[in-house]
Amino acid sequence: MRTKIHSPTTNGKVERLFKTMDEELSFCNNDIEQFRMRYNHFRPHSSLKGKSPADIYHDFASLF
């Protein structure tokens, strides 16, 4: 985004946009992490006979 030279009000709007985008991305990243944890550690998967991927990993890791 281009702003006028020596125009602090326009630049302020762009800076606010960047701050808003940063806050929104931070919020989304938190939701993604919660989804990943639930999906991999708590949610049963039918292809794994009702176990979670973490259960399968720990079962496999205990063999070695």
PDB file of N, CA and C in Angstrom:
ATOM      1  N   MET A   1       0.848  -1.164   0.000  1.00  0.00           N
ATOM      2  CA  MET A   1       0.000   0.000   0.000  1.00  0.00           C
ATOM      3  C   MET A   1       0.896   1.229   0.000  1.00  0.00           C
ATOM      4  N   ARG A   2       0.625   2.148  -0.883  1.00  0.00           N
ATOM      5  CA  ARG A   2       1.420   3.373  -0.970  1.00  0.00           C
ATOM      6  C   ARG A   2       0.696   4.507  -0.250  1.00  0.00           C
ATOM      7  N   THR A   3       1.481   5.331   0.409  1.00  0.00           N
ATOM      8  CA  THR A   3       0.925   6.507   1.082  1.00  0.00           C
ATOM      9  C   THR A   3       1.616   7.751   0.549  1.00  0.00           C
ATOM     10  N   LYS A   4       0.980   8.881   0.790  1.00  0.00           N
ATOM     11  CA  LYS A   4       1.572  10.151   0.364  1.00  0.00           C
ATOM     12  C   LYS A   4       2.791  10.458   1.225  1.00  0.00           C
ATOM     13  N   ILE A   5       3.770  11.079   0.612  1.00  0.00           N
ATOM     14  CA  ILE A   5       4.968  11.490   1.327  1.00  0.00           C
ATOM     15  C   ILE A   5       4.600  12.589   2.320  1.00  0.00           C
ATOM     16  N   HIS A   6       5.170  12.503   3.514  1.00  0.00           N
ATOM     17  CA  HIS A   6       4.945  13.493   4.579  1.00  0.00           C
ATOM     18  C   HIS A   6       3.468  13.585   4.951  1.00  0.00           C
ATOM     19  N   SER A   7       2.802  12.450   5.017  1.00  0.00           N
ATOM     20  CA  SER A   7       1.385  12.431   5.389  1.00  0.00           C
ATOM     21  C   SER A   7       1.197  11.483   6.575  1.00  0.00           C
ATOM     22  N   PRO A   8       1.435  11.967   7.790  1.00  0.00           N
ATOM     23  CA  PRO A   8       1.361  11.088   8.956  1.00  0.00           C
ATOM     24  C   PRO A   8      -0.022  10.483   9.190  1.00  0.00           C
ATOM     25  N   THR A   9      -1.078  11.177   8.793  1.00  0.00           N
ATOM     26  CA  THR A   9      -2.413  10.603   9.016  1.00  0.00           C
ATOM     27  C   THR A   9      -2.630   9.375   8.143  1.00  0.00           C
ATOM     28  N   THR A  10      -2.170   9.425   6.918  1.00  0.00           N
ATOM     29  CA  THR A  10      -2.308   8.270   6.038  1.00  0.00           C
ATOM     30  C   THR A  10      -1.430   7.129   6.536  1.00  0.00           C
ATOM     31  N   ASN A  11      -0.205   7.443   6.922  1.00  0.00           N
ATOM     32  CA  ASN A  11       0.698   6.421   7.426  1.00  0.00           C
ATOM     33  C   ASN A  11       0.140   5.793   8.700  1.00  0.00           C
ATOM     34  N   GLY A  12      -0.507   6.569   9.536  1.00  0.00           N
ATOM     35  CA  GLY A  12      -1.126   6.048  10.756  1.00  0.00           C
ATOM     36  C   GLY A  12      -2.200   5.021  10.441  1.00  0.00           C
ATOM     37  N   LYS A  13      -2.959   5.273   9.390  1.00  0.00           N
ATOM     38  CA  LYS A  13      -3.998   4.321   8.986  1.00  0.00           C
ATOM     39  C   LYS A  13      -3.379   3.003   8.545  1.00  0.00           C
ATOM     40  N   VAL A  14      -2.285   3.083   7.815  1.00  0.00           N
ATOM     41  CA  VAL A  14      -1.600   1.866   7.367  1.00  0.00           C
ATOM     42  C   VAL A  14      -1.021   1.122   8.565  1.00  0.00           C
ATOM     43  N   GLU A  15      -0.414   1.847   9.493  1.00  0.00           N
ATOM     44  CA  GLU A  15       0.143   1.207  10.683  1.00  0.00           C
ATOM     45  C   GLU A  15      -0.954   0.534  11.498  1.00  0.00           C
ATOM     46  N   ARG A  16      -2.107   1.175  11.602  1.00  0.00           N
ATOM     47  CA  ARG A  16      -3.231   0.571  12.323  1.00  0.00           C
ATOM     48  C   ARG A  16      -3.698  -0.694  11.606  1.00  0.00           C
ATOM     49  N   LEU A  17      -3.719  -0.673  10.288  1.00  0.00           N
ATOM     50  CA  LEU A  17      -4.085  -1.858   9.521  1.00  0.00           C
ATOM     51  C   LEU A  17      -3.122  -2.999   9.835  1.00  0.00           C
ATOM     52  N   PHE A  18      -1.829  -2.710   9.876  1.00  0.00           N
ATOM     53  CA  PHE A  18      -0.842  -3.742  10.194  1.00  0.00           C
ATOM     54  C   PHE A  18      -1.062  -4.298  11.600  1.00  0.00           C
ATOM     55  N   LYS A  19      -1.365  -3.421  12.550  1.00  0.00           N
ATOM     56  CA  LYS A  19      -1.606  -3.882  13.922  1.00  0.00           C
ATOM     57  C   LYS A  19      -2.846  -4.771  13.972  1.00  0.00           C
ATOM     58  N   THR A  20      -3.905  -4.366  13.285  1.00  0.00           N
ATOM     59  CA  THR A  20      -5.128  -5.166  13.254  1.00  0.00           C
ATOM     60  C   THR A  20      -4.865  -6.527  12.628  1.00  0.00           C
ATOM     61  N   MET A  21      -4.128  -6.551  11.539  1.00  0.00           N
ATOM     62  CA  MET A  21      -3.815  -7.818  10.880  1.00  0.00           C
ATOM     63  C   MET A  21      -2.978  -8.711  11.792  1.00  0.00           C
ATOM     64  N   ASP A  22      -2.035  -8.138  12.504  1.00  0.00           N
ATOM     65  CA  ASP A  22      -1.205  -8.903  13.427  1.00  0.00           C
ATOM     66  C   ASP A  22      -2.050  -9.509  14.544  1.00  0.00           C
ATOM     67  N   GLU A  23      -2.994  -8.731  15.089  1.00  0.00           N
ATOM     68  CA  GLU A  23      -3.876  -9.240  16.141  1.00  0.00           C
ATOM     69  C   GLU A  23      -4.762 -10.368  15.622  1.00  0.00           C
ATOM     70  N   GLU A  24      -5.291 -10.209  14.424  1.00  0.00           N
ATOM     71  CA  GLU A  24      -6.157 -11.234  13.841  1.00  0.00           C
ATOM     72  C   GLU A  24      -5.377 -12.521  13.572  1.00  0.00           C
ATOM     73  N   LEU A  25      -4.167 -12.403  13.056  1.00  0.00           N
ATOM     74  CA  LEU A  25      -3.350 -13.590  12.800  1.00  0.00           C
ATOM     75  C   LEU A  25      -2.993 -14.304  14.095  1.00  0.00           C
ATOM     76  N   SER A  26      -2.723 -13.537  15.133  1.00  0.00           N
ATOM     77  CA  SER A  26      -2.423 -14.132  16.430  1.00  0.00           C
ATOM     78  C   SER A  26      -3.621 -14.925  16.938  1.00  0.00           C
ATOM     79  N   PHE A  27      -4.820 -14.368  16.798  1.00  0.00           N
ATOM     80  CA  PHE A  27      -6.047 -15.056  17.210  1.00  0.00           C
ATOM     81  C   PHE A  27      -6.226 -16.347  16.417  1.00  0.00           C
ATOM     82  N   CYS A  28      -6.008 -16.284  15.114  1.00  0.00           N
ATOM     83  CA  CYS A  28      -6.160 -17.473  14.262  1.00  0.00           C
ATOM     84  C   CYS A  28      -5.146 -18.548  14.626  1.00  0.00           C
ATOM     85  N   ASN A  29      -3.923 -18.145  14.905  1.00  0.00           N
ATOM     86  CA  ASN A  29      -2.898 -19.116  15.268  1.00  0.00           C
ATOM     87  C   ASN A  29      -3.257 -19.848  16.550  1.00  0.00           C
ATOM     88  N   ASN A  30      -3.857 -19.160  17.517  1.00  0.00           N
ATOM     89  CA  ASN A  30      -4.289 -19.814  18.747  1.00  0.00           C
ATOM     90  C   ASN A  30      -5.353 -20.850  18.448  1.00  0.00           C
ATOM     91  N   ASP A  31      -6.304 -20.525  17.593  1.00  0.00           N
ATOM     92  CA  ASP A  31      -7.345 -21.476  17.236  1.00  0.00           C
ATOM     93  C   ASP A  31      -6.771 -22.674  16.501  1.00  0.00           C
ATOM     94  N   ILE A  32      -5.806 -22.454  15.643  1.00  0.00           N
ATOM     95  CA  ILE A  32      -5.184 -23.547  14.904  1.00  0.00           C
ATOM     96  C   ILE A  32      -4.468 -24.486  15.865  1.00  0.00           C
ATOM     97  N   GLU A  33      -3.786 -23.939  16.845  1.00  0.00           N
ATOM     98  CA  GLU A  33      -3.085 -24.768  17.823  1.00  0.00           C
ATOM     99  C   GLU A  33      -4.084 -25.598  18.634  1.00  0.00           C
ATOM    100  N   GLN A  34      -5.197 -25.003  19.019  1.00  0.00           N
ATOM    101  CA  GLN A  34      -6.220 -25.754  19.749  1.00  0.00           C
ATOM    102  C   GLN A  34      -6.793 -26.868  18.879  1.00  0.00           C
ATOM    103  N   PHE A  35      -7.040 -26.576  17.610  1.00  0.00           N
ATOM    104  CA  PHE A  35      -7.545 -27.590  16.689  1.00  0.00           C
ATOM    105  C   PHE A  35      -6.544 -28.731  16.551  1.00  0.00           C
ATOM    106  N   ARG A  36      -5.271 -28.395  16.375  1.00  0.00           N
ATOM    107  CA  ARG A  36      -4.238 -29.411  16.210  1.00  0.00           C
ATOM    108  C   ARG A  36      -4.150 -30.314  17.437  1.00  0.00           C
ATOM    109  N   MET A  37      -4.190 -29.714  18.616  1.00  0.00           N
ATOM    110  CA  MET A  37      -4.126 -30.504  19.845  1.00  0.00           C
ATOM    111  C   MET A  37      -5.321 -31.446  19.954  1.00  0.00           C
ATOM    112  N   ARG A  38      -6.505 -30.926  19.701  1.00  0.00           N
ATOM    113  CA  ARG A  38      -7.705 -31.758  19.795  1.00  0.00           C
ATOM    114  C   ARG A  38      -7.664 -32.875  18.762  1.00  0.00           C
ATOM    115  N   TYR A  39      -7.304 -32.543  17.544  1.00  0.00           N
ATOM    116  CA  TYR A  39      -7.299 -33.515  16.448  1.00  0.00           C
ATOM    117  C   TYR A  39      -6.283 -34.627  16.689  1.00  0.00           C
ATOM    118  N   ASN A  40      -5.103 -34.275  17.147  1.00  0.00           N
ATOM    119  CA  ASN A  40      -4.027 -35.258  17.284  1.00  0.00           C
ATOM    120  C   ASN A  40      -3.984 -35.974  18.627  1.00  0.00           C
ATOM    121  N   HIS A  41      -4.547 -35.371  19.679  1.00  0.00           N
ATOM    122  CA  HIS A  41      -4.394 -35.952  21.012  1.00  0.00           C
ATOM    123  C   HIS A  41      -5.693 -36.452  21.638  1.00  0.00           C
ATOM    124  N   PHE A  42      -6.830 -35.907  21.246  1.00  0.00           N
ATOM    125  CA  PHE A  42      -8.065 -36.251  21.947  1.00  0.00           C
ATOM    126  C   PHE A  42      -9.147 -36.851  21.055  1.00  0.00           C
ATOM    127  N   ARG A  43      -9.187 -36.484  19.809  1.00  0.00           N
ATOM    128  CA  ARG A  43     -10.257 -36.924  18.913  1.00  0.00           C
ATOM    129  C   ARG A  43     -10.010 -38.353  18.443  1.00  0.00           C
ATOM    130  N   PRO A  44     -10.984 -39.251  18.661  1.00  0.00           N
ATOM    131  CA  PRO A  44     -10.818 -40.604  18.144  1.00  0.00           C
ATOM    132  C   PRO A  44     -10.960 -40.634  16.623  1.00  0.00           C
ATOM    133  N   HIS A  45     -10.141 -41.449  15.978  1.00  0.00           N
ATOM    134  CA  HIS A  45     -10.166 -41.570  14.520  1.00  0.00           C
ATOM    135  C   HIS A  45     -10.661 -42.963  14.154  1.00  0.00           C
ATOM    136  N   SER A  46     -11.641 -43.018  13.280  1.00  0.00           N
ATOM    137  CA  SER A  46     -12.184 -44.325  12.896  1.00  0.00           C
ATOM    138  C   SER A  46     -11.138 -45.175  12.180  1.00  0.00           C
ATOM    139  N   SER A  47     -10.259 -44.545  11.418  1.00  0.00           N
ATOM    140  CA  SER A  47      -9.223 -45.307  10.707  1.00  0.00           C
ATOM    141  C   SER A  47      -8.187 -45.892  11.666  1.00  0.00           C
ATOM    142  N   LEU A  48      -8.151 -45.387  12.890  1.00  0.00           N
ATOM    143  CA  LEU A  48      -7.223 -45.896  13.903  1.00  0.00           C
ATOM    144  C   LEU A  48      -7.963 -46.702  14.966  1.00  0.00           C
ATOM    145  N   LYS A  49      -9.154 -47.168  14.606  1.00  0.00           N
ATOM    146  CA  LYS A  49      -9.994 -47.987  15.498  1.00  0.00           C
ATOM    147  C   LYS A  49     -10.310 -47.271  16.803  1.00  0.00           C
ATOM    148  N   GLY A  50     -10.655 -45.993  16.690  1.00  0.00           N
ATOM    149  CA  GLY A  50     -11.084 -45.217  17.848  1.00  0.00           C
ATOM    150  C   GLY A  50      -9.968 -44.598  18.660  1.00  0.00           C
ATOM    151  N   LYS A  51      -8.744 -44.792  18.251  1.00  0.00           N
ATOM    152  CA  LYS A  51      -7.623 -44.181  18.970  1.00  0.00           C
ATOM    153  C   LYS A  51      -7.243 -42.861  18.316  1.00  0.00           C
ATOM    154  N   SER A  52      -6.526 -42.046  19.069  1.00  0.00           N
ATOM    155  CA  SER A  52      -6.011 -40.792  18.511  1.00  0.00           C
ATOM    156  C   SER A  52      -4.631 -41.058  17.907  1.00  0.00           C
ATOM    157  N   PRO A  53      -4.166 -40.185  17.013  1.00  0.00           N
ATOM    158  CA  PRO A  53      -2.807 -40.341  16.480  1.00  0.00           C
ATOM    159  C   PRO A  53      -1.746 -40.361  17.586  1.00  0.00           C
ATOM    160  N   ALA A  54      -1.957 -39.584  18.646  1.00  0.00           N
ATOM    161  CA  ALA A  54      -0.994 -39.572  19.752  1.00  0.00           C
ATOM    162  C   ALA A  54      -0.953 -40.929  20.444  1.00  0.00           C
ATOM    163  N   ASP A  55      -2.118 -41.575  20.605  1.00  0.00           N
ATOM    164  CA  ASP A  55      -2.149 -42.913  21.206  1.00  0.00           C
ATOM    165  C   ASP A  55      -1.339 -43.896  20.373  1.00  0.00           C
ATOM    166  N   ILE A  56      -1.540 -43.863  19.073  1.00  0.00           N
ATOM    167  CA  ILE A  56      -0.822 -44.769  18.176  1.00  0.00           C
ATOM    168  C   ILE A  56       0.681 -44.496  18.244  1.00  0.00           C
ATOM    169  N   TYR A  57       1.051 -43.230  18.247  1.00  0.00           N
ATOM    170  CA  TYR A  57       2.470 -42.866  18.320  1.00  0.00           C
ATOM    171  C   TYR A  57       3.090 -43.396  19.607  1.00  0.00           C
ATOM    172  N   HIS A  58       2.408 -43.183  20.739  1.00  0.00           N
ATOM    173  CA  HIS A  58       2.963 -43.631  22.017  1.00  0.00           C
ATOM    174  C   HIS A  58       3.025 -45.154  22.093  1.00  0.00           C
ATOM    175  N   ASP A  59       2.032 -45.838  21.540  1.00  0.00           N
ATOM    176  CA  ASP A  59       2.068 -47.304  21.502  1.00  0.00           C
ATOM    177  C   ASP A  59       3.269 -47.782  20.684  1.00  0.00           C
ATOM    178  N   PHE A  60       3.487 -47.157  19.545  1.00  0.00           N
ATOM    179  CA  PHE A  60       4.602 -47.532  18.673  1.00  0.00           C
ATOM    180  C   PHE A  60       5.942 -47.198  19.329  1.00  0.00           C
ATOM    181  N   ALA A  61       6.030 -46.018  19.937  1.00  0.00           N
ATOM    182  CA  ALA A  61       7.286 -45.581  20.558  1.00  0.00           C
ATOM    183  C   ALA A  61       7.661 -46.474  21.738  1.00  0.00           C
ATOM    184  N   SER A  62       6.669 -47.033  22.418  1.00  0.00           N
ATOM    185  CA  SER A  62       6.971 -47.877  23.578  1.00  0.00           C
ATOM    186  C   SER A  62       7.597 -49.213  23.173  1.00  0.00           C
ATOM    187  N   LEU A  63       7.504 -49.569  21.903  1.00  0.00           N
ATOM    188  CA  LEU A  63       8.107 -50.813  21.435  1.00  0.00           C
ATOM    189  C   LEU A  63       9.625 -50.722  21.347  1.00  0.00           C
ATOM    190  N   PHE A  64      10.146 -49.501  21.315  1.00  0.00           N
ATOM    191  CA  PHE A  64      11.592 -49.330  21.125  1.00  0.00           C
ATOM    192  C   PHE A  64      12.254 -48.766  22.334  1.00  0.00           C
TER     193      PHE A  64
END
